[in-house]
């Protein structure tokens, strides 16, 4: 089976401390990331914010 790897980068602010859960063979960290973008409507510019839930598993 061919291994497929996807990567992307997101910048933002960590909204709160990571919640780390440890299991027998792995650990999982979860935290919300606040990201923003700008929308322009004529002369008016608005900043739109959203929260992304991030989860990362690490093998021990």
PDB file of N, CA and C in Angstrom:
ATOM      1  N   UNK A   1       0.843  -1.173   0.000  1.00  0.00           N
ATOM      2  CA  UNK A   1       0.000   0.000   0.000  1.00  0.00           C
ATOM      3  C   UNK A   1       0.893   1.243   0.000  1.00  0.00           C
ATOM      4  N   UNK A   2       0.578   2.192  -0.851  1.00  0.00           N
ATOM      5  CA  UNK A   2       1.359   3.414  -0.971  1.00  0.00           C
ATOM      6  C   UNK A   2       1.013   4.369   0.167  1.00  0.00           C
ATOM      7  N   UNK A   3       2.056   4.906   0.804  1.00  0.00           N
ATOM      8  CA  UNK A   3       1.850   5.867   1.893  1.00  0.00           C
ATOM      9  C   UNK A   3       1.625   7.254   1.297  1.00  0.00           C
ATOM     10  N   UNK A   4       0.544   7.898   1.716  1.00  0.00           N
ATOM     11  CA  UNK A   4       0.222   9.245   1.250  1.00  0.00           C
ATOM     12  C   UNK A   4       0.379  10.203   2.426  1.00  0.00           C
ATOM     13  N   UNK A   5       1.068  11.295   2.202  1.00  0.00           N
ATOM     14  CA  UNK A   5       1.286  12.287   3.257  1.00  0.00           C
ATOM     15  C   UNK A   5       0.828  13.649   2.767  1.00  0.00           C
ATOM     16  N   UNK A   6       0.008  14.312   3.569  1.00  0.00           N
ATOM     17  CA  UNK A   6      -0.461  15.658   3.255  1.00  0.00           C
ATOM     18  C   UNK A   6       0.061  16.617   4.309  1.00  0.00           C
ATOM     19  N   UNK A   7       0.505  17.774   3.896  1.00  0.00           N
ATOM     20  CA  UNK A   7       0.989  18.807   4.808  1.00  0.00           C
ATOM     21  C   UNK A   7       0.355  20.146   4.459  1.00  0.00           C
ATOM     22  N   UNK A   8       0.086  20.940   5.492  1.00  0.00           N
ATOM     23  CA  UNK A   8      -0.367  22.298   5.271  1.00  0.00           C
ATOM     24  C   UNK A   8       0.008  23.119   6.495  1.00  0.00           C
ATOM     25  N   UNK A   9       0.056  24.419   6.342  1.00  0.00           N
ATOM     26  CA  UNK A   9       0.424  25.318   7.437  1.00  0.00           C
ATOM     27  C   UNK A   9      -0.711  26.298   7.683  1.00  0.00           C
ATOM     28  N   UNK A  10      -1.026  26.503   8.954  1.00  0.00           N
ATOM     29  CA  UNK A  10      -2.057  27.445   9.361  1.00  0.00           C
ATOM     30  C   UNK A  10      -1.449  28.327  10.441  1.00  0.00           C
ATOM     31  N   UNK A  11      -1.647  29.624  10.334  1.00  0.00           N
ATOM     32  CA  UNK A  11      -1.164  30.518  11.384  1.00  0.00           C
ATOM     33  C   UNK A  11      -2.354  31.086  12.134  1.00  0.00           C
ATOM     34  N   UNK A  12      -2.148  31.287  13.424  1.00  0.00           N
ATOM     35  CA  UNK A  12      -3.213  31.822  14.257  1.00  0.00           C
ATOM     36  C   UNK A  12      -2.755  31.896  15.700  1.00  0.00           C
ATOM     37  N   UNK A  13      -3.716  32.016  16.587  1.00  0.00           N
ATOM     38  CA  UNK A  13      -3.433  32.107  18.016  1.00  0.00           C
ATOM     39  C   UNK A  13      -4.038  30.905  18.717  1.00  0.00           C
ATOM     40  N   UNK A  14      -3.262  30.277  19.601  1.00  0.00           N
ATOM     41  CA  UNK A  14      -3.773  29.158  20.391  1.00  0.00           C
ATOM     42  C   UNK A  14      -4.770  29.733  21.387  1.00  0.00           C
ATOM     43  N   UNK A  15      -6.010  29.232  21.352  1.00  0.00           N
ATOM     44  CA  UNK A  15      -7.087  29.821  22.144  1.00  0.00           C
ATOM     45  C   UNK A  15      -7.067  29.388  23.608  1.00  0.00           C
ATOM     46  N   UNK A  16      -6.546  28.194  23.899  1.00  0.00           N
ATOM     47  CA  UNK A  16      -6.423  27.752  25.290  1.00  0.00           C
ATOM     48  C   UNK A  16      -5.370  26.655  25.362  1.00  0.00           C
ATOM     49  N   UNK A  17      -4.977  26.281  26.578  1.00  0.00           N
ATOM     50  CA  UNK A  17      -3.963  25.247  26.763  1.00  0.00           C
ATOM     51  C   UNK A  17      -4.398  23.928  26.131  1.00  0.00           C
ATOM     52  N   UNK A  18      -3.414  23.184  25.650  1.00  0.00           N
ATOM     53  CA  UNK A  18      -3.694  21.892  25.029  1.00  0.00           C
ATOM     54  C   UNK A  18      -4.188  20.894  26.067  1.00  0.00           C
ATOM     55  N   UNK A  19      -5.130  20.070  25.654  1.00  0.00           N
ATOM     56  CA  UNK A  19      -5.614  18.962  26.478  1.00  0.00           C
ATOM     57  C   UNK A  19      -4.883  17.724  25.987  1.00  0.00           C
ATOM     58  N   UNK A  20      -4.052  17.119  26.837  1.00  0.00           N
ATOM     59  CA  UNK A  20      -3.244  15.974  26.445  1.00  0.00           C
ATOM     60  C   UNK A  20      -3.821  14.716  27.084  1.00  0.00           C
ATOM     61  N   UNK A  21      -4.084  13.720  26.248  1.00  0.00           N
ATOM     62  CA  UNK A  21      -4.565  12.420  26.734  1.00  0.00           C
ATOM     63  C   UNK A  21      -3.526  11.378  26.377  1.00  0.00           C
ATOM     64  N   UNK A  22      -3.159  10.556  27.339  1.00  0.00           N
ATOM     65  CA  UNK A  22      -2.151   9.517  27.113  1.00  0.00           C
ATOM     66  C   UNK A  22      -2.810   8.150  27.109  1.00  0.00           C
ATOM     67  N   UNK A  23      -2.463   7.367  26.106  1.00  0.00           N
ATOM     68  CA  UNK A  23      -2.957   6.013  25.968  1.00  0.00           C
ATOM     69  C   UNK A  23      -1.769   5.066  26.028  1.00  0.00           C
ATOM     70  N   UNK A  24      -2.000   3.782  25.900  1.00  0.00           N
ATOM     71  CA  UNK A  24      -0.934   2.791  26.008  1.00  0.00           C
ATOM     72  C   UNK A  24       0.158   2.994  24.963  1.00  0.00           C
ATOM     73  N   UNK A  25      -0.231   3.230  23.715  1.00  0.00           N
ATOM     74  CA  UNK A  25       0.756   3.324  22.636  1.00  0.00           C
ATOM     75  C   UNK A  25       0.891   4.708  22.022  1.00  0.00           C
ATOM     76  N   UNK A  26       0.101   5.659  22.450  1.00  0.00           N
ATOM     77  CA  UNK A  26       0.139   6.982  21.818  1.00  0.00           C
ATOM     78  C   UNK A  26      -0.346   8.063  22.778  1.00  0.00           C
ATOM     79  N   UNK A  27      -0.042   9.300  22.461  1.00  0.00           N
ATOM     80  CA  UNK A  27      -0.564  10.459  23.180  1.00  0.00           C
ATOM     81  C   UNK A  27      -1.257  11.367  22.167  1.00  0.00           C
ATOM     82  N   UNK A  28      -2.317  12.025  22.602  1.00  0.00           N
ATOM     83  CA  UNK A  28      -3.064  12.918  21.721  1.00  0.00           C
ATOM     84  C   UNK A  28      -3.194  14.279  22.393  1.00  0.00           C
ATOM     85  N   UNK A  29      -2.830  15.334  21.675  1.00  0.00           N
ATOM     86  CA  UNK A  29      -2.988  16.706  22.171  1.00  0.00           C
ATOM     87  C   UNK A  29      -4.065  17.387  21.331  1.00  0.00           C
ATOM     88  N   UNK A  30      -4.989  18.076  21.999  1.00  0.00           N
ATOM     89  CA  UNK A  30      -6.053  18.805  21.305  1.00  0.00           C
ATOM     90  C   UNK A  30      -6.110  20.230  21.831  1.00  0.00           C
ATOM     91  N   UNK A  31      -6.328  21.176  20.903  1.00  0.00           N
ATOM     92  CA  UNK A  31      -6.454  22.577  21.291  1.00  0.00           C
ATOM     93  C   UNK A  31      -7.139  23.354  20.175  1.00  0.00           C
ATOM     94  N   UNK A  32      -7.856  24.428  20.522  1.00  0.00           N
ATOM     95  CA  UNK A  32      -8.462  25.268  19.487  1.00  0.00           C
ATOM     96  C   UNK A  32      -7.458  26.323  18.995  1.00  0.00           C
ATOM     97  N   UNK A  33      -7.502  26.608  17.711  1.00  0.00           N
ATOM     98  CA  UNK A  33      -6.645  27.617  17.091  1.00  0.00           C
ATOM     99  C   UNK A  33      -7.542  28.679  16.471  1.00  0.00           C
ATOM    100  N   UNK A  34      -7.336  29.936  16.859  1.00  0.00           N
ATOM    101  CA  UNK A  34      -8.115  31.047  16.302  1.00  0.00           C
ATOM    102  C   UNK A  34      -7.406  31.553  15.044  1.00  0.00           C
ATOM    103  N   UNK A  35      -8.107  31.555  13.933  1.00  0.00           N
ATOM    104  CA  UNK A  35      -7.558  32.040  12.666  1.00  0.00           C
ATOM    105  C   UNK A  35      -8.441  33.173  12.148  1.00  0.00           C
ATOM    106  N   UNK A  36      -7.859  34.065  11.373  1.00  0.00           N
ATOM    107  CA  UNK A  36      -8.604  35.215  10.870  1.00  0.00           C
ATOM    108  C   UNK A  36      -8.273  35.449   9.401  1.00  0.00           C
ATOM    109  N   UNK A  37      -9.215  36.057   8.725  1.00  0.00           N
ATOM    110  CA  UNK A  37      -9.011  36.478   7.331  1.00  0.00           C
ATOM    111  C   UNK A  37      -9.712  37.810   7.149  1.00  0.00           C
ATOM    112  N   UNK A  38      -9.353  38.510   6.096  1.00  0.00           N
ATOM    113  CA  UNK A  38      -9.972  39.802   5.826  1.00  0.00           C
ATOM    114  C   UNK A  38     -10.868  39.695   4.598  1.00  0.00           C
ATOM    115  N   UNK A  39     -12.032  40.334   4.694  1.00  0.00           N
ATOM    116  CA  UNK A  39     -12.953  40.441   3.560  1.00  0.00           C
ATOM    117  C   UNK A  39     -13.111  41.909   3.223  1.00  0.00           C
ATOM    118  N   UNK A  40     -13.042  42.217   1.956  1.00  0.00           N
ATOM    119  CA  UNK A  40     -13.190  43.604   1.528  1.00  0.00           C
ATOM    120  C   UNK A  40     -14.478  43.731   0.725  1.00  0.00           C
ATOM    121  N   UNK A  41     -15.309  44.711   1.110  1.00  0.00           N
ATOM    122  CA  UNK A  41     -16.559  45.000   0.415  1.00  0.00           C
ATOM    123  C   UNK A  41     -16.540  46.482   0.066  1.00  0.00           C
ATOM    124  N   UNK A  42     -16.104  46.770  -1.147  1.00  0.00           N
ATOM    125  CA  UNK A  42     -15.939  48.171  -1.551  1.00  0.00           C
ATOM    126  C   UNK A  42     -14.795  48.790  -0.768  1.00  0.00           C
ATOM    127  N   UNK A  43     -15.081  49.843  -0.011  1.00  0.00           N
ATOM    128  CA  UNK A  43     -14.061  50.514   0.814  1.00  0.00           C
ATOM    129  C   UNK A  43     -13.957  49.906   2.207  1.00  0.00           C
ATOM    130  N   UNK A  44     -14.954  49.115   2.587  1.00  0.00           N
ATOM    131  CA  UNK A  44     -15.008  48.550   3.934  1.00  0.00           C
ATOM    132  C   UNK A  44     -14.243  47.222   3.998  1.00  0.00           C
ATOM    133  N   UNK A  45     -13.399  47.062   5.018  1.00  0.00           N
ATOM    134  CA  UNK A  45     -12.667  45.826   5.249  1.00  0.00           C
ATOM    135  C   UNK A  45     -13.095  45.243   6.587  1.00  0.00           C
ATOM    136  N   UNK A  46     -13.505  43.976   6.569  1.00  0.00           N
ATOM    137  CA  UNK A  46     -13.911  43.285   7.788  1.00  0.00           C
ATOM    138  C   UNK A  46     -12.918  42.182   8.108  1.00  0.00           C
ATOM    139  N   UNK A  47     -12.698  41.952   9.398  1.00  0.00           N
ATOM    140  CA  UNK A  47     -11.856  40.848   9.842  1.00  0.00           C
ATOM    141  C   UNK A  47     -12.793  39.733  10.325  1.00  0.00           C
ATOM    142  N   UNK A  48     -12.718  38.587   9.694  1.00  0.00           N
ATOM    143  CA  UNK A  48     -13.561  37.442  10.019  1.00  0.00           C
ATOM    144  C   UNK A  48     -12.707  36.425  10.777  1.00  0.00           C
ATOM    145  N   UNK A  49     -13.175  36.004  11.958  1.00  0.00           N
ATOM    146  CA  UNK A  49     -12.438  35.045  12.775  1.00  0.00           C
ATOM    147  C   UNK A  49     -13.181  33.722  12.840  1.00  0.00           C
ATOM    148  N   UNK A  50     -12.409  32.652  12.990  1.00  0.00           N
ATOM    149  CA  UNK A  50     -12.969  31.313  13.153  1.00  0.00           C
ATOM    150  C   UNK A  50     -12.040  30.506  14.049  1.00  0.00           C
ATOM    151  N   UNK A  51     -12.594  29.479  14.681  1.00  0.00           N
ATOM    152  CA  UNK A  51     -11.801  28.587  15.524  1.00  0.00           C
ATOM    153  C   UNK A  51     -11.716  27.219  14.858  1.00  0.00           C
ATOM    154  N   UNK A  52     -10.506  26.669  14.824  1.00  0.00           N
ATOM    155  CA  UNK A  52     -10.271  25.331  14.287  1.00  0.00           C
ATOM    156  C   UNK A  52      -9.845  24.438  15.447  1.00  0.00           C
ATOM    157  N   UNK A  53     -10.444  23.259  15.569  1.00  0.00           N
ATOM    158  CA  UNK A  53     -10.021  22.306  16.576  1.00  0.00           C
ATOM    159  C   UNK A  53      -8.899  21.463  15.994  1.00  0.00           C
ATOM    160  N   UNK A  54      -7.753  21.473  16.674  1.00  0.00           N
ATOM    161  CA  UNK A  54      -6.560  20.767  16.206  1.00  0.00           C
ATOM    162  C   UNK A  54      -6.314  19.579  17.115  1.00  0.00           C
ATOM    163  N   UNK A  55      -6.040  18.435  16.523  1.00  0.00           N
ATOM    164  CA  UNK A  55      -5.692  17.237  17.288  1.00  0.00           C
ATOM    165  C   UNK A  55      -4.451  16.607  16.679  1.00  0.00           C
ATOM    166  N   UNK A  56      -3.511  16.225  17.507  1.00  0.00           N
ATOM    167  CA  UNK A  56      -2.263  15.641  17.008  1.00  0.00           C
ATOM    168  C   UNK A  56      -1.929  14.410  17.829  1.00  0.00           C
ATOM    169  N   UNK A  57      -1.745  13.278  17.153  1.00  0.00           N
ATOM    170  CA  UNK A  57      -1.361  12.037  17.819  1.00  0.00           C
ATOM    171  C   UNK A  57       0.137  11.807  17.634  1.00  0.00           C
ATOM    172  N   UNK A  58       0.776  11.348  18.678  1.00  0.00           N
ATOM    173  CA  UNK A  58       2.205  11.045  18.629  1.00  0.00           C
ATOM    174  C   UNK A  58       2.431   9.635  19.170  1.00  0.00           C
ATOM    175  N   UNK A  59       3.131   8.820  18.413  1.00  0.00           N
ATOM    176  CA  UNK A  59       3.440   7.465  18.880  1.00  0.00           C
ATOM    177  C   UNK A  59       4.523   7.519  19.936  1.00  0.00           C
ATOM    178  N   UNK A  60       4.361   6.713  20.967  1.00  0.00           N
ATOM    179  CA  UNK A  60       5.349   6.672  22.053  1.00  0.00           C
ATOM    180  C   UNK A  60       6.428   5.670  21.722  1.00  0.00           C
TER     181      UNK A  60
END
